[in-house]
Structures are given as structure tokens and as C-alpha cells.
């Protein structure tokens, strides 16, 4: 079973309007909680190997100047968490 959260484009996003700093911060918090949630996923194949995957889509540079140094640090922290969990 797979799940994906999709935020559909609207008139503003199609025109290139970037998200606010607050929205980027809220998204970062959500992405941290998503990682913690996935860590609790039960192993569907207890007798063998299984993989639960979280895929990143957007990159930091996609968000322009609204992506402040503080938000960049948060993004780096999330990336490190994801890399660490991928090695498990």
C-alpha cells in the first residue's frame, strides 16, 4: 500500500508565486513528523527484508529567497534524518 501527499497547483503557484516563510516552516515541521510517523510502520515481511520509502520531490533552491537560512538548516537536518534512516 502506498500513500503520497500531493498539493495541487493553483493560479498563483502556476504563475511562479513562491510560498511564504511561514508556509515553508510549517512544511518543514510536517516533513519531520512524516519521518517520525514512517519510523513506526510495521514490517510487512517479518521473515525477510522490506522497504518503506519516503521520496523528496522539491529542492531547497526551488523556493527562492523566501527559503531563509534558518529554513535551509531545517531542510539539511531533515535530509540527514532521511539518509540515516535509509541505511537501516
PDB file of N, CA and C in Angstrom:
ATOM      1  N   UNK A   1       0.852  -1.169   0.000  1.00  0.00           N
ATOM      2  CA  UNK A   1       0.000   0.000   0.000  1.00  0.00           C
ATOM      3  C   UNK A   1       0.898   1.232   0.000  1.00  0.00           C
ATOM      4  N   UNK A   2       0.598   2.187  -0.832  1.00  0.00           N
ATOM      5  CA  UNK A   2       1.402   3.410  -0.921  1.00  0.00           C
ATOM      6  C   UNK A   2       0.520   4.621  -0.685  1.00  0.00           C
ATOM      7  N   UNK A   3       1.128   5.637  -0.114  1.00  0.00           N
ATOM      8  CA  UNK A   3       0.447   6.913   0.089  1.00  0.00           C
ATOM      9  C   UNK A   3       1.350   8.021  -0.396  1.00  0.00           C
ATOM     10  N   UNK A   4       0.757   9.028  -0.971  1.00  0.00           N
ATOM     11  CA  UNK A   4       1.503  10.200  -1.396  1.00  0.00           C
ATOM     12  C   UNK A   4       0.630  11.410  -1.123  1.00  0.00           C
ATOM     13  N   UNK A   5       1.228  12.435  -0.551  1.00  0.00           N
ATOM     14  CA  UNK A   5       0.509  13.684  -0.325  1.00  0.00           C
ATOM     15  C   UNK A   5       0.849  14.610  -1.481  1.00  0.00           C
ATOM     16  N   UNK A   6      -0.159  15.097  -2.164  1.00  0.00           N
ATOM     17  CA  UNK A   6       0.035  15.967  -3.321  1.00  0.00           C
ATOM     18  C   UNK A   6      -0.668  17.298  -3.068  1.00  0.00           C
ATOM     19  N   UNK A   7       0.072  18.357  -3.248  1.00  0.00           N
ATOM     20  CA  UNK A   7      -0.522  19.693  -3.193  1.00  0.00           C
ATOM     21  C   UNK A   7      -0.651  20.148  -4.638  1.00  0.00           C
ATOM     22  N   UNK A   8      -1.861  20.275  -5.093  1.00  0.00           N
ATOM     23  CA  UNK A   8      -2.095  20.659  -6.482  1.00  0.00           C
ATOM     24  C   UNK A   8      -1.813  22.140  -6.691  1.00  0.00           C
ATOM     25  N   UNK A   9      -1.352  22.444  -7.882  1.00  0.00           N
ATOM     26  CA  UNK A   9      -1.066  23.823  -8.251  1.00  0.00           C
ATOM     27  C   UNK A   9      -2.354  24.631  -8.320  1.00  0.00           C
ATOM     28  N   UNK A  10      -2.195  25.931  -8.123  1.00  0.00           N
ATOM     29  CA  UNK A  10      -3.321  26.841  -8.322  1.00  0.00           C
ATOM     30  C   UNK A  10      -2.840  27.987  -9.213  1.00  0.00           C
ATOM     31  N   UNK A  11      -3.661  28.954  -9.429  1.00  0.00           N
ATOM     32  CA  UNK A  11      -3.335  30.054 -10.326  1.00  0.00           C
ATOM     33  C   UNK A  11      -2.043  30.757  -9.907  1.00  0.00           C
ATOM     34  N   UNK A  12      -1.900  30.995  -8.609  1.00  0.00           N
ATOM     35  CA  UNK A  12      -0.718  31.703  -8.104  1.00  0.00           C
ATOM     36  C   UNK A  12       0.556  30.872  -8.267  1.00  0.00           C
ATOM     37  N   UNK A  13       0.487  29.591  -7.876  1.00  0.00           N
ATOM     38  CA  UNK A  13       1.694  28.767  -7.983  1.00  0.00           C
ATOM     39  C   UNK A  13       2.090  28.558  -9.448  1.00  0.00           C
ATOM     40  N   UNK A  14       1.120  28.435 -10.324  1.00  0.00           N
ATOM     41  CA  UNK A  14       1.422  28.300 -11.754  1.00  0.00           C
ATOM     42  C   UNK A  14       2.073  29.565 -12.303  1.00  0.00           C
ATOM     43  N   UNK A  15       1.767  30.700 -11.674  1.00  0.00           N
ATOM     44  CA  UNK A  15       2.357  31.968 -12.102  1.00  0.00           C
ATOM     45  C   UNK A  15       3.737  32.187 -11.480  1.00  0.00           C
ATOM     46  N   UNK A  16       4.177  31.248 -10.641  1.00  0.00           N
ATOM     47  CA  UNK A  16       5.515  31.359 -10.057  1.00  0.00           C
ATOM     48  C   UNK A  16       5.563  32.023  -8.697  1.00  0.00           C
ATOM     49  N   UNK A  17       4.410  32.265  -8.066  1.00  0.00           N
ATOM     50  CA  UNK A  17       4.389  32.866  -6.735  1.00  0.00           C
ATOM     51  C   UNK A  17       4.950  31.844  -5.745  1.00  0.00           C
ATOM     52  N   UNK A  18       5.971  32.251  -4.996  1.00  0.00           N
ATOM     53  CA  UNK A  18       6.624  31.347  -4.049  1.00  0.00           C
ATOM     54  C   UNK A  18       5.884  31.327  -2.714  1.00  0.00           C
ATOM     55  N   UNK A  19       5.972  30.223  -1.978  1.00  0.00           N
ATOM     56  CA  UNK A  19       5.315  30.137  -0.673  1.00  0.00           C
ATOM     57  C   UNK A  19       5.976  31.072   0.328  1.00  0.00           C
ATOM     58  N   UNK A  20       5.231  31.451   1.353  1.00  0.00           N
ATOM     59  CA  UNK A  20       5.748  32.342   2.392  1.00  0.00           C
ATOM     60  C   UNK A  20       6.724  31.604   3.298  1.00  0.00           C
ATOM     61  N   UNK A  21       7.477  32.357   4.070  1.00  0.00           N
ATOM     62  CA  UNK A  21       8.392  31.762   5.045  1.00  0.00           C
ATOM     63  C   UNK A  21       7.630  30.901   6.045  1.00  0.00           C
ATOM     64  N   UNK A  22       6.456  31.375   6.482  1.00  0.00           N
ATOM     65  CA  UNK A  22       5.655  30.604   7.441  1.00  0.00           C
ATOM     66  C   UNK A  22       5.222  29.272   6.845  1.00  0.00           C
ATOM     67  N   UNK A  23       4.767  29.291   5.600  1.00  0.00           N
ATOM     68  CA  UNK A  23       4.348  28.045   4.973  1.00  0.00           C
ATOM     69  C   UNK A  23       5.529  27.082   4.832  1.00  0.00           C
ATOM     70  N   UNK A  24       6.690  27.598   4.447  1.00  0.00           N
ATOM     71  CA  UNK A  24       7.868  26.734   4.339  1.00  0.00           C
ATOM     72  C   UNK A  24       8.237  26.135   5.698  1.00  0.00           C
ATOM     73  N   UNK A  25       8.134  26.935   6.759  1.00  0.00           N
ATOM     74  CA  UNK A  25       8.417  26.437   8.111  1.00  0.00           C
ATOM     75  C   UNK A  25       7.404  25.353   8.492  1.00  0.00           C
ATOM     76  N   UNK A  26       6.139  25.594   8.205  1.00  0.00           N
ATOM     77  CA  UNK A  26       5.098  24.602   8.501  1.00  0.00           C
ATOM     78  C   UNK A  26       5.334  23.307   7.710  1.00  0.00           C
ATOM     79  N   UNK A  27       5.751  23.447   6.455  1.00  0.00           N
ATOM     80  CA  UNK A  27       6.036  22.272   5.636  1.00  0.00           C
ATOM     81  C   UNK A  27       7.209  21.480   6.226  1.00  0.00           C
ATOM     82  N   UNK A  28       8.224  22.188   6.704  1.00  0.00           N
ATOM     83  CA  UNK A  28       9.373  21.531   7.321  1.00  0.00           C
ATOM     84  C   UNK A  28       8.984  20.740   8.551  1.00  0.00           C
ATOM     85  N   UNK A  29       8.125  21.328   9.371  1.00  0.00           N
ATOM     86  CA  UNK A  29       7.640  20.618  10.558  1.00  0.00           C
ATOM     87  C   UNK A  29       6.864  19.362  10.153  1.00  0.00           C
ATOM     88  N   UNK A  30       6.030  19.488   9.158  1.00  0.00           N
ATOM     89  CA  UNK A  30       5.267  18.344   8.679  1.00  0.00           C
ATOM     90  C   UNK A  30       6.198  17.244   8.169  1.00  0.00           C
ATOM     91  N   UNK A  31       7.207  17.616   7.426  1.00  0.00           N
ATOM     92  CA  UNK A  31       8.145  16.630   6.879  1.00  0.00           C
ATOM     93  C   UNK A  31       8.910  15.905   7.978  1.00  0.00           C
ATOM     94  N   UNK A  32       9.203  16.625   9.124  1.00  0.00           N
ATOM     95  CA  UNK A  32       9.855  15.977  10.255  1.00  0.00           C
ATOM     96  C   UNK A  32       8.951  14.941  10.889  1.00  0.00           C
ATOM     97  N   UNK A  33       7.568  15.365  11.138  1.00  0.00           N
ATOM     98  CA  UNK A  33       6.574  14.482  11.737  1.00  0.00           C
ATOM     99  C   UNK A  33       6.343  13.267  10.864  1.00  0.00           C
ATOM    100  N   UNK A  34       6.406  13.485   9.382  1.00  0.00           N
ATOM    101  CA  UNK A  34       6.214  12.368   8.437  1.00  0.00           C
ATOM    102  C   UNK A  34       7.302  11.325   8.631  1.00  0.00           C
ATOM    103  N   UNK A  35       8.528  11.774   8.831  1.00  0.00           N
ATOM    104  CA  UNK A  35       9.644  10.840   9.045  1.00  0.00           C
ATOM    105  C   UNK A  35       9.411  10.042  10.321  1.00  0.00           C
ATOM    106  N   UNK A  36       9.013  10.713  11.376  1.00  0.00           N
ATOM    107  CA  UNK A  36       8.762  10.012  12.639  1.00  0.00           C
ATOM    108  C   UNK A  36       7.616   9.013  12.499  1.00  0.00           C
ATOM    109  N   UNK A  37       6.599   9.390  11.734  1.00  0.00           N
ATOM    110  CA  UNK A  37       5.453   8.515  11.525  1.00  0.00           C
ATOM    111  C   UNK A  37       5.877   7.243  10.785  1.00  0.00           C
ATOM    112  N   UNK A  38       6.675   7.405   9.738  1.00  0.00           N
ATOM    113  CA  UNK A  38       7.113   6.257   8.955  1.00  0.00           C
ATOM    114  C   UNK A  38       8.006   5.325   9.774  1.00  0.00           C
ATOM    115  N   UNK A  39       8.759   5.869  10.707  1.00  0.00           N
ATOM    116  CA  UNK A  39       9.600   5.018  11.557  1.00  0.00           C
ATOM    117  C   UNK A  39       8.770   3.999  12.335  1.00  0.00           C
ATOM    118  N   UNK A  40       7.509   4.313  12.568  1.00  0.00           N
ATOM    119  CA  UNK A  40       6.632   3.418  13.332  1.00  0.00           C
ATOM    120  C   UNK A  40       5.923   2.388  12.453  1.00  0.00           C
ATOM    121  N   UNK A  41       6.155   2.428  11.155  1.00  0.00           N
ATOM    122  CA  UNK A  41       5.473   1.499  10.250  1.00  0.00           C
ATOM    123  C   UNK A  41       5.871   0.064  10.583  1.00  0.00           C
ATOM    124  N   UNK A  42       4.888  -0.837  10.688  1.00  0.00           N
ATOM    125  CA  UNK A  42       5.215  -2.241  10.958  1.00  0.00           C
ATOM    126  C   UNK A  42       5.879  -2.877   9.739  1.00  0.00           C
ATOM    127  N   UNK A  43       6.738  -3.849   9.990  1.00  0.00           N
ATOM    128  CA  UNK A  43       7.399  -4.578   8.918  1.00  0.00           C
ATOM    129  C   UNK A  43       6.388  -5.534   8.277  1.00  0.00           C
ATOM    130  N   UNK A  44       6.043  -5.325   7.006  1.00  0.00           N
ATOM    131  CA  UNK A  44       5.050  -6.199   6.379  1.00  0.00           C
ATOM    132  C   UNK A  44       5.603  -7.589   6.052  1.00  0.00           C
ATOM    133  N   UNK A  45       6.922  -7.748   6.121  1.00  0.00           N
ATOM    134  CA  UNK A  45       7.561  -9.029   5.811  1.00  0.00           C
ATOM    135  C   UNK A  45       8.525  -9.399   6.942  1.00  0.00           C
ATOM    136  N   UNK A  46       8.009  -9.802   8.100  1.00  0.00           N
ATOM    137  CA  UNK A  46       8.874 -10.047   9.256  1.00  0.00           C
ATOM    138  C   UNK A  46       9.926 -11.128   9.025  1.00  0.00           C
ATOM    139  N   UNK A  47       9.714 -12.024   8.071  1.00  0.00           N
ATOM    140  CA  UNK A  47      10.689 -13.085   7.811  1.00  0.00           C
ATOM    141  C   UNK A  47      11.716 -12.678   6.755  1.00  0.00           C
ATOM    142  N   UNK A  48      11.582 -11.487   6.212  1.00  0.00           N
ATOM    143  CA  UNK A  48      12.509 -11.066   5.156  1.00  0.00           C
ATOM    144  C   UNK A  48      12.708  -9.572   5.175  1.00  0.00           C
ATOM    145  N   UNK A  49      13.325  -9.088   4.148  1.00  0.00           N
ATOM    146  CA  UNK A  49      13.617  -7.663   4.031  1.00  0.00           C
ATOM    147  C   UNK A  49      12.417  -6.922   3.466  1.00  0.00           C
ATOM    148  N   UNK A  50      12.175  -5.727   3.996  1.00  0.00           N
ATOM    149  CA  UNK A  50      11.126  -4.867   3.449  1.00  0.00           C
ATOM    150  C   UNK A  50      11.650  -3.443   3.397  1.00  0.00           C
ATOM    151  N   UNK A  51      11.038  -2.648   2.559  1.00  0.00           N
ATOM    152  CA  UNK A  51      11.460  -1.266   2.374  1.00  0.00           C
ATOM    153  C   UNK A  51      10.243  -0.367   2.481  1.00  0.00           C
ATOM    154  N   UNK A  52      10.345   0.664   3.307  1.00  0.00           N
ATOM    155  CA  UNK A  52       9.353   1.734   3.367  1.00  0.00           C
ATOM    156  C   UNK A  52      10.084   2.978   2.904  1.00  0.00           C
ATOM    157  N   UNK A  53       9.558   3.632   1.918  1.00  0.00           N
ATOM    158  CA  UNK A  53      10.291   4.709   1.268  1.00  0.00           C
ATOM    159  C   UNK A  53       9.551   6.036   1.378  1.00  0.00           C
ATOM    160  N   UNK A  54      10.317   7.084   1.651  1.00  0.00           N
ATOM    161  CA  UNK A  54       9.809   8.460   1.583  1.00  0.00           C
ATOM    162  C   UNK A  54      10.611   9.136   0.474  1.00  0.00           C
ATOM    163  N   UNK A  55       9.932   9.716  -0.484  1.00  0.00           N
ATOM    164  CA  UNK A  55      10.634  10.378  -1.580  1.00  0.00           C
ATOM    165  C   UNK A  55      10.476  11.890  -1.488  1.00  0.00           C
ATOM    166  N   UNK A  56      11.589  12.540  -1.629  1.00  0.00           N
ATOM    167  CA  UNK A  56      11.568  14.001  -1.699  1.00  0.00           C
ATOM    168  C   UNK A  56      11.325  14.419  -3.142  1.00  0.00           C
ATOM    169  N   UNK A  57      10.610  15.515  -3.296  1.00  0.00           N
ATOM    170  CA  UNK A  57      10.321  15.995  -4.637  1.00  0.00           C
ATOM    171  C   UNK A  57      10.922  17.379  -4.850  1.00  0.00           C
ATOM    172  N   UNK A  58      10.593  18.326  -4.004  1.00  0.00           N
ATOM    173  CA  UNK A  58      11.076  19.703  -4.151  1.00  0.00           C
ATOM    174  C   UNK A  58      12.468  19.841  -3.541  1.00  0.00           C
ATOM    175  N   UNK A  59      13.274  20.707  -4.110  1.00  0.00           N
ATOM    176  CA  UNK A  59      14.606  21.022  -3.602  1.00  0.00           C
ATOM    177  C   UNK A  59      14.591  22.428  -3.022  1.00  0.00           C
ATOM    178  N   UNK A  60      15.513  22.688  -2.104  1.00  0.00           N
ATOM    179  CA  UNK A  60      15.563  23.975  -1.409  1.00  0.00           C
ATOM    180  C   UNK A  60      15.628  25.157  -2.380  1.00  0.00           C
ATOM    181  N   UNK A  61      16.436  25.029  -3.404  1.00  0.00           N
ATOM    182  CA  UNK A  61      16.602  26.141  -4.345  1.00  0.00           C
ATOM    183  C   UNK A  61      15.346  26.439  -5.155  1.00  0.00           C
ATOM    184  N   UNK A  62      14.380  25.554  -5.109  1.00  0.00           N
ATOM    185  CA  UNK A  62      13.131  25.781  -5.820  1.00  0.00           C
ATOM    186  C   UNK A  62      12.305  26.907  -5.203  1.00  0.00           C
ATOM    187  N   UNK A  63      12.632  27.292  -3.957  1.00  0.00           N
ATOM    188  CA  UNK A  63      11.779  28.231  -3.227  1.00  0.00           C
ATOM    189  C   UNK A  63      12.335  29.650  -3.138  1.00  0.00           C
ATOM    190  N   UNK A  64      13.452  29.936  -3.789  1.00  0.00           N
ATOM    191  CA  UNK A  64      13.966  31.299  -3.871  1.00  0.00           C
ATOM    192  C   UNK A  64      14.331  31.917  -2.531  1.00  0.00           C
ATOM    193  N   UNK A  65      14.246  33.241  -2.463  1.00  0.00           N
ATOM    194  CA  UNK A  65      14.668  33.999  -1.273  1.00  0.00           C
ATOM    195  C   UNK A  65      13.790  33.756  -0.054  1.00  0.00           C
ATOM    196  N   UNK A  66      12.575  33.284  -0.269  1.00  0.00           N
ATOM    197  CA  UNK A  66      11.685  33.004   0.863  1.00  0.00           C
ATOM    198  C   UNK A  66      12.230  31.873   1.742  1.00  0.00           C
ATOM    199  N   UNK A  67      13.133  31.085   1.171  1.00  0.00           N
ATOM    200  CA  UNK A  67      13.727  29.967   1.895  1.00  0.00           C
ATOM    201  C   UNK A  67      14.935  30.492   2.663  1.00  0.00           C
ATOM    202  N   UNK A  68      14.677  30.966   3.878  1.00  0.00           N
ATOM    203  CA  UNK A  68      15.668  31.656   4.706  1.00  0.00           C
ATOM    204  C   UNK A  68      16.772  30.704   5.175  1.00  0.00           C
ATOM    205  N   UNK A  69      17.901  31.256   5.687  1.00  0.00           N
ATOM    206  CA  UNK A  69      18.968  30.397   6.230  1.00  0.00           C
ATOM    207  C   UNK A  69      18.469  29.450   7.320  1.00  0.00           C
ATOM    208  N   UNK A  70      17.553  29.897   8.153  1.00  0.00           N
ATOM    209  CA  UNK A  70      17.003  29.019   9.203  1.00  0.00           C
ATOM    210  C   UNK A  70      16.249  27.847   8.590  1.00  0.00           C
ATOM    211  N   UNK A  71      15.461  28.132   7.557  1.00  0.00           N
ATOM    212  CA  UNK A  71      14.712  27.066   6.897  1.00  0.00           C
ATOM    213  C   UNK A  71      15.646  26.123   6.138  1.00  0.00           C
ATOM    214  N   UNK A  72      16.749  26.649   5.609  1.00  0.00           N
ATOM    215  CA  UNK A  72      17.735  25.795   4.933  1.00  0.00           C
ATOM    216  C   UNK A  72      18.375  24.822   5.923  1.00  0.00           C
ATOM    217  N   UNK A  73      18.675  25.315   7.137  1.00  0.00           N
ATOM    218  CA  UNK A  73      19.233  24.436   8.171  1.00  0.00           C
ATOM    219  C   UNK A  73      18.238  23.328   8.525  1.00  0.00           C
ATOM    220  N   UNK A  74      16.971  23.686   8.633  1.00  0.00           N
ATOM    221  CA  UNK A  74      15.951  22.684   8.924  1.00  0.00           C
ATOM    222  C   UNK A  74      15.911  21.645   7.803  1.00  0.00           C
ATOM    223  N   UNK A  75      15.984  22.071   6.568  1.00  0.00           N
ATOM    224  CA  UNK A  75      15.957  21.157   5.426  1.00  0.00           C
ATOM    225  C   UNK A  75      17.162  20.221   5.455  1.00  0.00           C
ATOM    226  N   UNK A  76      18.322  20.746   5.808  1.00  0.00           N
ATOM    227  CA  UNK A  76      19.521  19.909   5.918  1.00  0.00           C
ATOM    228  C   UNK A  76      19.343  18.851   7.009  1.00  0.00           C
ATOM    229  N   UNK A  77      18.760  19.260   8.128  1.00  0.00           N
ATOM    230  CA  UNK A  77      18.519  18.323   9.232  1.00  0.00           C
ATOM    231  C   UNK A  77      17.580  17.193   8.786  1.00  0.00           C
ATOM    232  N   UNK A  78      16.555  17.535   8.062  1.00  0.00           N
ATOM    233  CA  UNK A  78      15.613  16.530   7.554  1.00  0.00           C
ATOM    234  C   UNK A  78      16.331  15.587   6.584  1.00  0.00           C
ATOM    235  N   UNK A  79      17.164  16.144   5.705  1.00  0.00           N
ATOM    236  CA  UNK A  79      17.915  15.315   4.760  1.00  0.00           C
ATOM    237  C   UNK A  79      18.825  14.320   5.469  1.00  0.00           C
ATOM    238  N   UNK A  80      19.477  14.767   6.531  1.00  0.00           N
ATOM    239  CA  UNK A  80      20.343  13.874   7.300  1.00  0.00           C
ATOM    240  C   UNK A  80      19.537  12.776   7.972  1.00  0.00           C
ATOM    241  N   UNK A  81      18.356  13.128   8.497  1.00  0.00           N
ATOM    242  CA  UNK A  81      17.489  12.116   9.120  1.00  0.00           C
ATOM    243  C   UNK A  81      17.087  11.060   8.086  1.00  0.00           C
ATOM    244  N   UNK A  82      16.735  11.516   6.886  1.00  0.00           N
ATOM    245  CA  UNK A  82      16.306  10.596   5.841  1.00  0.00           C
ATOM    246  C   UNK A  82      17.459   9.677   5.417  1.00  0.00           C
ATOM    247  N   UNK A  83      18.661  10.250   5.273  1.00  0.00           N
ATOM    248  CA  UNK A  83      19.819   9.431   4.892  1.00  0.00           C
ATOM    249  C   UNK A  83      20.149   8.407   5.957  1.00  0.00           C
ATOM    250  N   UNK A  84      20.085   8.819   7.218  1.00  0.00           N
ATOM    251  CA  UNK A  84      20.367   7.908   8.320  1.00  0.00           C
ATOM    252  C   UNK A  84      19.366   6.765   8.327  1.00  0.00           C
ATOM    253  N   UNK A  85      18.094   7.086   8.148  1.00  0.00           N
ATOM    254  CA  UNK A  85      17.043   6.060   8.162  1.00  0.00           C
ATOM    255  C   UNK A  85      17.139   5.137   6.952  1.00  0.00           C
ATOM    256  N   UNK A  86      17.661   5.640   5.830  1.00  0.00           N
ATOM    257  CA  UNK A  86      17.782   4.806   4.627  1.00  0.00           C
ATOM    258  C   UNK A  86      18.822   3.713   4.824  1.00  0.00           C
ATOM    259  N   UNK A  87      19.780   3.939   5.713  1.00  0.00           N
ATOM    260  CA  UNK A  87      20.843   2.971   5.949  1.00  0.00           C
ATOM    261  C   UNK A  87      20.397   1.826   6.850  1.00  0.00           C
ATOM    262  N   UNK A  88      19.247   1.942   7.456  1.00  0.00           N
ATOM    263  CA  UNK A  88      18.754   0.902   8.369  1.00  0.00           C
ATOM    264  C   UNK A  88      18.289  -0.302   7.643  1.00  0.00           C
TER     265      UNK A  88
END
